[in-house]
Amino acid sequence: MKARTVRLWSMVHTWTSLISTVFLLLLCLTGLPLIFHHEIDELLGYAPSPKLMRARRVRRRKPSPTPRSPPIPAGCCNISPGTRTSPGS
């Protein structure tokens, strides 16, 4: 590359970087309040204060019996471990 071409691309790179930086800085500055709006509201005193609730006494329930599956009827699954069936047989 010639020196003039390198200087031209350097100038293009510099200006496009500056324009991109300004755009990204604008996005960051406007996005931060949207992300941290709860924390900003707490710092400025705009956040609603949580209401204090009285503790309730929790009643424990009796544990329910574990459900059982129905028994498998005899002869429904006559597949031995080494037997394979192919489609169409």
Protein backbone atom coordinates (compact mmCIF):
# COMPACT_ATOMS: atom_id res chain seq x y z
CA MET A 1 0.00 0.00 0.00
CA LYS A 2 1.08 3.50 -0.67
CA ALA A 3 1.54 6.01 2.11
CA ARG A 4 -1.34 8.12 0.77
CA THR A 5 -3.72 5.12 0.90
CA VAL A 6 -2.69 4.30 4.47
CA ARG A 7 -3.29 7.92 5.53
CA LEU A 8 -6.70 7.94 3.84
CA TRP A 9 -7.80 4.71 5.54
CA SER A 10 -6.45 5.96 8.85
CA MET A 11 -8.57 9.10 8.54
CA VAL A 12 -11.66 7.08 7.57
CA HIS A 13 -11.07 4.74 10.52
CA THR A 14 -10.63 7.66 12.94
CA TRP A 15 -13.82 9.46 11.91
CA THR A 16 -15.99 6.36 11.77
CA SER A 17 -14.71 5.38 15.22
CA LEU A 18 -15.56 8.81 16.64
CA ILE A 19 -19.07 8.72 15.16
CA SER A 20 -19.64 5.19 16.47
CA THR A 21 -18.32 6.17 19.90
CA VAL A 22 -20.73 9.10 20.18
CA PHE A 23 -23.66 6.87 19.16
CA LEU A 24 -22.73 4.12 21.65
CA LEU A 25 -22.13 6.66 24.43
CA LEU A 26 -25.61 8.07 23.80
CA LEU A 27 -27.09 4.57 24.02
CA CYS A 28 -25.27 3.85 27.28
CA LEU A 29 -26.24 7.11 28.95
CA THR A 30 -29.92 6.77 28.04
CA GLY A 31 -30.07 3.05 28.86
CA LEU A 32 -28.54 3.17 32.33
CA PRO A 33 -31.49 4.97 33.97
CA LEU A 34 -33.82 2.41 32.41
CA ILE A 35 -31.83 -0.47 33.85
CA PHE A 36 -31.29 0.98 37.32
CA HIS A 37 -34.60 2.82 37.79
CA HIS A 38 -35.44 0.89 40.99
CA GLU A 39 -32.13 1.80 42.61
CA ILE A 40 -32.37 5.43 41.47
CA ASP A 41 -35.90 5.69 42.90
CA GLU A 42 -34.70 4.32 46.24
CA LEU A 43 -31.82 6.81 46.38
CA LEU A 44 -34.09 9.75 45.57
CA GLY A 45 -36.81 8.61 47.96
CA TYR A 46 -39.48 7.92 45.33
CA ALA A 47 -39.70 4.19 45.95
CA PRO A 48 -42.75 2.97 47.87
CA SER A 49 -41.96 1.65 51.30
CA PRO A 50 -42.83 -1.98 51.89
CA LYS A 51 -45.77 -2.58 54.22
CA LEU A 52 -45.03 -4.52 57.34
CA MET A 53 -47.23 -7.54 57.74
CA ARG A 54 -47.94 -9.49 60.86
CA ALA A 55 -46.63 -13.00 60.90
CA ARG A 56 -49.33 -15.63 60.63
CA ARG A 57 -49.22 -18.94 62.33
CA VAL A 58 -48.85 -21.65 59.73
CA ARG A 59 -50.81 -24.82 60.31
CA ARG A 60 -49.10 -27.96 59.19
CA ARG A 61 -51.04 -30.47 57.18
CA LYS A 62 -50.84 -34.18 57.59
CA PRO A 63 -48.69 -35.72 54.90
CA SER A 64 -50.77 -37.31 52.18
CA PRO A 65 -50.18 -40.97 51.41
CA THR A 66 -47.95 -41.60 48.44
CA PRO A 67 -49.91 -42.53 45.32
CA ARG A 68 -49.35 -46.04 44.02
CA SER A 69 -49.49 -47.14 40.42
CA PRO A 70 -52.00 -49.84 39.51
CA PRO A 71 -50.62 -53.37 39.21
CA ILE A 72 -49.62 -54.59 35.76
CA PRO A 73 -51.90 -57.42 34.57
CA ALA A 74 -50.21 -60.76 33.99
CA GLY A 75 -49.39 -61.53 30.37
CA CYS A 76 -49.66 -58.00 29.00
CA CYS A 77 -45.96 -57.52 28.41
CA ASN A 78 -44.56 -60.79 27.07
CA ILE A 79 -41.27 -59.38 25.79
CA SER A 80 -38.12 -61.22 26.72
CA PRO A 81 -34.91 -59.20 27.01
CA GLY A 82 -33.21 -60.67 23.91
CA THR A 83 -36.21 -60.52 21.55
CA ARG A 84 -36.57 -57.74 19.00
CA THR A 85 -39.45 -57.27 16.65
CA SER A 86 -38.96 -55.76 13.22
CA PRO A 87 -41.62 -53.82 11.36
CA GLY A 88 -43.75 -56.03 9.16
CA SER A 89 -43.07 -59.29 11.02
